[in-house]
N, C-alpha and C. Protein backbone atom coordinates (compact mmCIF):
# COMPACT_ATOMS: atom_id res chain seq x y z
N MET A 1 12.34 -2.39 3.03
CA MET A 1 11.43 -1.55 3.75
C MET A 1 10.35 -1.10 2.77
N ILE A 2 9.16 -0.93 3.27
CA ILE A 2 8.06 -0.42 2.45
C ILE A 2 7.62 0.92 3.04
N ILE A 3 7.57 1.93 2.20
CA ILE A 3 7.16 3.27 2.61
C ILE A 3 5.93 3.64 1.79
N SER A 4 4.86 4.06 2.49
CA SER A 4 3.63 4.43 1.80
C SER A 4 3.07 5.70 2.43
N THR A 5 2.56 6.59 1.59
CA THR A 5 1.99 7.84 2.07
C THR A 5 1.00 8.39 1.06
N GLU A 6 0.22 9.35 1.50
CA GLU A 6 -0.61 10.08 0.56
C GLU A 6 0.29 10.93 -0.32
N ASN A 7 -0.19 11.26 -1.49
CA ASN A 7 0.55 12.07 -2.45
C ASN A 7 -0.04 13.48 -2.45
N LEU A 8 0.76 14.46 -2.11
CA LEU A 8 0.26 15.84 -2.09
C LEU A 8 -0.28 16.26 -3.45
N ALA A 9 0.28 15.72 -4.52
CA ALA A 9 -0.12 16.11 -5.88
C ALA A 9 -1.26 15.24 -6.42
N ASN A 10 -2.07 14.64 -5.55
CA ASN A 10 -3.20 13.85 -6.05
C ASN A 10 -4.29 14.78 -6.58
N LEU A 11 -5.17 14.21 -7.40
CA LEU A 11 -6.21 15.02 -8.06
C LEU A 11 -7.12 15.75 -7.09
N ILE A 12 -7.46 15.12 -5.98
CA ILE A 12 -8.35 15.76 -5.01
C ILE A 12 -7.68 17.00 -4.41
N ASN A 13 -6.40 16.89 -4.08
CA ASN A 13 -5.69 18.06 -3.53
C ASN A 13 -5.52 19.16 -4.57
N ILE A 14 -5.25 18.78 -5.81
CA ILE A 14 -5.13 19.77 -6.88
C ILE A 14 -6.45 20.51 -7.04
N PHE A 15 -7.56 19.77 -7.07
CA PHE A 15 -8.88 20.39 -7.18
C PHE A 15 -9.15 21.32 -5.99
N SER A 16 -8.80 20.88 -4.79
CA SER A 16 -8.99 21.71 -3.59
C SER A 16 -8.23 23.03 -3.71
N LEU A 17 -6.99 22.95 -4.16
CA LEU A 17 -6.18 24.17 -4.30
C LEU A 17 -6.74 25.10 -5.38
N ILE A 18 -7.22 24.53 -6.49
CA ILE A 18 -7.82 25.34 -7.55
C ILE A 18 -9.03 26.11 -7.00
N CYS A 19 -9.77 25.46 -6.09
CA CYS A 19 -10.94 26.10 -5.47
C CYS A 19 -10.54 27.07 -4.36
N GLY A 20 -9.25 27.14 -4.06
CA GLY A 20 -8.78 28.05 -3.01
C GLY A 20 -8.82 27.46 -1.62
N TYR A 21 -8.92 26.12 -1.52
CA TYR A 21 -8.97 25.46 -0.23
C TYR A 21 -7.66 24.72 0.06
N TYR A 22 -7.48 24.42 1.34
CA TYR A 22 -6.29 23.70 1.79
C TYR A 22 -6.37 22.24 1.33
N PRO A 23 -5.23 21.60 1.01
CA PRO A 23 -5.25 20.19 0.58
C PRO A 23 -5.86 19.28 1.66
N LEU A 24 -6.61 18.28 1.24
CA LEU A 24 -7.21 17.34 2.18
C LEU A 24 -6.15 16.51 2.90
N SER A 25 -5.00 16.34 2.30
CA SER A 25 -3.96 15.49 2.86
C SER A 25 -3.22 16.13 4.03
N LEU A 26 -3.48 17.38 4.31
CA LEU A 26 -2.78 18.09 5.39
C LEU A 26 -3.77 18.73 6.34
N ASP A 27 -3.32 18.97 7.56
CA ASP A 27 -4.10 19.73 8.53
C ASP A 27 -3.30 20.97 8.91
N TYR A 28 -3.93 22.11 8.81
CA TYR A 28 -3.25 23.36 9.14
C TYR A 28 -3.20 23.57 10.64
N SER A 29 -4.23 23.12 11.34
CA SER A 29 -4.31 23.29 12.79
C SER A 29 -4.13 21.94 13.47
N TYR A 30 -3.60 21.96 14.67
CA TYR A 30 -3.51 20.73 15.47
C TYR A 30 -4.74 20.56 16.36
N LYS A 31 -5.66 21.52 16.34
CA LYS A 31 -6.82 21.48 17.22
C LYS A 31 -8.14 21.25 16.51
N LYS A 32 -8.26 21.74 15.27
CA LYS A 32 -9.54 21.66 14.57
C LYS A 32 -9.31 21.50 13.08
N ARG A 33 -10.16 20.71 12.42
CA ARG A 33 -10.08 20.52 10.97
C ARG A 33 -10.65 21.77 10.29
N ILE A 34 -9.77 22.54 9.70
CA ILE A 34 -10.17 23.78 9.05
C ILE A 34 -9.54 23.87 7.67
N GLY A 35 -10.02 24.78 6.85
CA GLY A 35 -9.37 25.09 5.58
C GLY A 35 -9.97 24.45 4.34
N ASN A 36 -10.77 23.38 4.52
CA ASN A 36 -11.33 22.74 3.34
C ASN A 36 -12.72 22.19 3.64
N PRO A 37 -13.77 22.92 3.22
CA PRO A 37 -15.13 22.45 3.49
C PRO A 37 -15.50 21.16 2.74
N PHE A 38 -14.66 20.70 1.79
CA PHE A 38 -14.91 19.42 1.12
C PHE A 38 -14.58 18.24 2.04
N SER A 39 -13.80 18.48 3.07
CA SER A 39 -13.39 17.41 3.97
C SER A 39 -14.56 16.89 4.78
N PRO A 40 -14.72 15.56 4.87
CA PRO A 40 -15.79 15.02 5.71
C PRO A 40 -15.56 15.33 7.19
N GLN A 41 -14.33 15.67 7.55
CA GLN A 41 -13.99 15.98 8.93
C GLN A 41 -14.01 17.49 9.22
N TYR A 42 -14.38 18.29 8.24
CA TYR A 42 -14.34 19.75 8.36
C TYR A 42 -15.08 20.23 9.60
N GLY A 43 -14.40 21.06 10.38
CA GLY A 43 -14.99 21.65 11.58
C GLY A 43 -14.85 20.80 12.83
N ASN A 44 -14.46 19.53 12.68
CA ASN A 44 -14.32 18.65 13.84
C ASN A 44 -13.07 18.99 14.64
N GLN A 45 -13.15 18.78 15.93
CA GLN A 45 -11.99 18.92 16.80
C GLN A 45 -11.04 17.76 16.53
N ILE A 46 -9.75 18.01 16.65
CA ILE A 46 -8.75 16.95 16.49
C ILE A 46 -8.39 16.45 17.88
N GLU A 47 -8.61 15.17 18.11
CA GLU A 47 -8.27 14.60 19.41
C GLU A 47 -6.76 14.44 19.52
N LYS A 48 -6.22 14.69 20.69
CA LYS A 48 -4.77 14.66 20.89
C LYS A 48 -4.16 13.32 20.56
N ARG A 49 -4.92 12.25 20.72
CA ARG A 49 -4.34 10.93 20.47
C ARG A 49 -4.11 10.65 18.99
N TYR A 50 -4.76 11.45 18.12
CA TYR A 50 -4.58 11.26 16.69
C TYR A 50 -3.50 12.19 16.16
N LEU A 51 -2.63 11.66 15.36
CA LEU A 51 -1.63 12.49 14.71
C LEU A 51 -2.19 13.04 13.41
N THR A 52 -1.75 14.21 13.03
CA THR A 52 -2.15 14.77 11.76
C THR A 52 -0.92 14.87 10.87
N HIS A 53 -1.14 14.93 9.57
CA HIS A 53 -0.01 15.09 8.65
C HIS A 53 0.57 16.49 8.80
N VAL A 54 1.86 16.55 9.03
CA VAL A 54 2.56 17.83 9.06
C VAL A 54 3.17 18.08 7.69
N LYS A 55 3.63 17.01 7.08
CA LYS A 55 4.21 17.07 5.73
C LYS A 55 3.55 16.01 4.88
N CYS A 56 3.43 16.31 3.62
CA CYS A 56 2.87 15.34 2.68
C CYS A 56 3.66 15.51 1.38
N PRO A 57 4.42 14.50 0.99
CA PRO A 57 5.28 14.64 -0.19
C PRO A 57 4.55 14.37 -1.50
N THR A 58 5.15 14.81 -2.57
CA THR A 58 4.74 14.39 -3.90
C THR A 58 5.56 13.15 -4.24
N ALA A 59 5.22 12.48 -5.34
CA ALA A 59 5.99 11.31 -5.77
C ALA A 59 7.45 11.69 -6.02
N LYS A 60 7.68 12.83 -6.65
CA LYS A 60 9.05 13.29 -6.94
C LYS A 60 9.82 13.57 -5.65
N THR A 61 9.16 14.18 -4.67
CA THR A 61 9.81 14.46 -3.39
C THR A 61 10.22 13.17 -2.71
N MET A 62 9.35 12.15 -2.73
CA MET A 62 9.69 10.86 -2.12
C MET A 62 10.90 10.23 -2.80
N ILE A 63 10.94 10.28 -4.10
CA ILE A 63 12.08 9.72 -4.83
C ILE A 63 13.36 10.47 -4.46
N ASP A 64 13.28 11.78 -4.38
CA ASP A 64 14.45 12.58 -4.01
C ASP A 64 14.93 12.28 -2.59
N ILE A 65 14.02 12.14 -1.64
CA ILE A 65 14.41 11.89 -0.25
C ILE A 65 14.98 10.48 -0.09
N LEU A 66 14.42 9.52 -0.80
CA LEU A 66 14.97 8.16 -0.75
C LEU A 66 16.37 8.13 -1.35
N ASP A 67 16.56 8.85 -2.43
CA ASP A 67 17.87 8.97 -3.06
C ASP A 67 18.87 9.66 -2.11
N PHE A 68 18.43 10.70 -1.43
CA PHE A 68 19.29 11.43 -0.48
C PHE A 68 19.83 10.49 0.60
N TYR A 69 18.99 9.56 1.06
CA TYR A 69 19.40 8.62 2.09
C TYR A 69 19.96 7.32 1.51
N ASN A 70 20.30 7.34 0.24
CA ASN A 70 20.92 6.20 -0.45
C ASN A 70 20.10 4.92 -0.36
N LEU A 71 18.79 5.07 -0.48
CA LEU A 71 17.91 3.92 -0.51
C LEU A 71 17.52 3.65 -1.96
N LYS A 72 17.68 2.41 -2.36
CA LYS A 72 17.38 2.02 -3.75
C LYS A 72 15.93 1.56 -3.85
N ILE A 73 15.20 2.14 -4.78
CA ILE A 73 13.82 1.75 -5.00
C ILE A 73 13.79 0.46 -5.82
N THR A 74 13.17 -0.58 -5.25
CA THR A 74 13.07 -1.86 -5.96
C THR A 74 11.70 -2.05 -6.61
N ASN A 75 10.69 -1.37 -6.10
CA ASN A 75 9.34 -1.43 -6.66
C ASN A 75 8.59 -0.15 -6.35
N LYS A 76 7.71 0.25 -7.26
CA LYS A 76 6.86 1.43 -7.07
C LYS A 76 5.41 1.01 -7.26
N TYR A 77 4.55 1.52 -6.40
CA TYR A 77 3.12 1.26 -6.50
C TYR A 77 2.37 2.57 -6.39
N TYR A 78 1.38 2.73 -7.25
CA TYR A 78 0.55 3.93 -7.23
C TYR A 78 -0.90 3.47 -7.17
N ASN A 79 -1.67 4.06 -6.28
CA ASN A 79 -3.04 3.59 -6.09
C ASN A 79 -3.97 4.76 -5.81
N GLY A 80 -5.16 4.71 -6.38
CA GLY A 80 -6.18 5.72 -6.14
C GLY A 80 -6.11 6.86 -7.14
N PHE A 81 -7.18 7.06 -7.84
CA PHE A 81 -7.25 8.14 -8.82
C PHE A 81 -8.65 8.75 -8.77
N PHE A 82 -9.08 9.06 -7.54
CA PHE A 82 -10.43 9.57 -7.30
C PHE A 82 -10.69 10.84 -8.09
N PRO A 83 -11.81 11.02 -8.68
CA PRO A 83 -13.00 10.17 -8.68
C PRO A 83 -13.06 9.22 -9.87
N PHE A 84 -11.94 8.99 -10.53
CA PHE A 84 -11.88 8.17 -11.73
C PHE A 84 -11.46 6.73 -11.40
N PRO A 85 -11.56 5.81 -12.36
CA PRO A 85 -11.19 4.41 -12.11
C PRO A 85 -9.72 4.28 -11.69
N ASN A 86 -9.49 3.33 -10.79
CA ASN A 86 -8.16 3.15 -10.20
C ASN A 86 -7.07 2.83 -11.22
N PHE A 87 -7.40 2.13 -12.31
CA PHE A 87 -6.36 1.76 -13.27
C PHE A 87 -5.64 2.99 -13.83
N LEU A 88 -6.29 4.14 -13.80
CA LEU A 88 -5.65 5.37 -14.30
C LEU A 88 -4.48 5.81 -13.42
N SER A 89 -4.46 5.36 -12.15
CA SER A 89 -3.34 5.70 -11.27
C SER A 89 -2.04 5.07 -11.75
N LYS A 90 -2.13 3.99 -12.51
CA LYS A 90 -0.92 3.36 -13.06
C LYS A 90 -0.40 4.16 -14.26
N ILE A 91 -1.30 4.83 -14.97
CA ILE A 91 -0.92 5.61 -16.15
C ILE A 91 -0.46 7.01 -15.75
N PHE A 92 -1.24 7.66 -14.88
CA PHE A 92 -0.94 9.02 -14.43
C PHE A 92 -0.44 8.96 -12.98
N ASN A 93 0.62 8.19 -12.77
CA ASN A 93 1.04 7.86 -11.41
C ASN A 93 1.43 9.06 -10.55
N LYS A 94 1.94 10.12 -11.13
CA LYS A 94 2.34 11.24 -10.28
C LYS A 94 1.14 11.99 -9.70
N TYR A 95 -0.08 11.63 -10.15
CA TYR A 95 -1.29 12.23 -9.60
C TYR A 95 -2.13 11.24 -8.79
N SER A 96 -1.59 10.04 -8.54
CA SER A 96 -2.33 9.04 -7.78
C SER A 96 -2.49 9.50 -6.32
N TYR A 97 -3.46 8.93 -5.64
CA TYR A 97 -3.73 9.36 -4.26
C TYR A 97 -2.68 8.83 -3.29
N PHE A 98 -2.26 7.59 -3.48
CA PHE A 98 -1.26 6.98 -2.61
C PHE A 98 -0.02 6.61 -3.41
N ILE A 99 1.14 6.78 -2.78
CA ILE A 99 2.41 6.35 -3.38
C ILE A 99 3.08 5.39 -2.40
N THR A 100 3.58 4.30 -2.93
CA THR A 100 4.23 3.29 -2.10
C THR A 100 5.50 2.84 -2.81
N TYR A 101 6.57 2.76 -2.03
CA TYR A 101 7.86 2.32 -2.59
C TYR A 101 8.43 1.21 -1.73
N GLU A 102 8.92 0.17 -2.38
CA GLU A 102 9.75 -0.82 -1.72
C GLU A 102 11.18 -0.35 -1.92
N VAL A 103 11.94 -0.29 -0.84
CA VAL A 103 13.32 0.20 -0.92
C VAL A 103 14.26 -0.73 -0.16
N LYS A 104 15.53 -0.66 -0.53
CA LYS A 104 16.56 -1.38 0.21
C LYS A 104 17.80 -0.52 0.27
N LYS A 105 18.64 -0.79 1.22
CA LYS A 105 19.88 -0.04 1.41
C LYS A 105 20.90 -0.46 0.40
């Protein structure tokens, strides 16, 4: 199985929190994009057909939850290190924008 998600601990979210704004990876409201004026979607209504993130894990949280369900990680991929070059996501993986794990039972 392949599991991929945004990483709550990515640099953009950390910067947002330092500025006192809500992380871009989450939506506080189910009706309107609020909490972070850096978001390109800020102020827009959320259409019912679109799902929003209710939870967004960190890399450590994903590893813990996979371990809890006895899933063995066979490969890890980290991608996105905005606004810096992508290769840095391999070095500073716990701050990458996306985390992806290949797992098996």
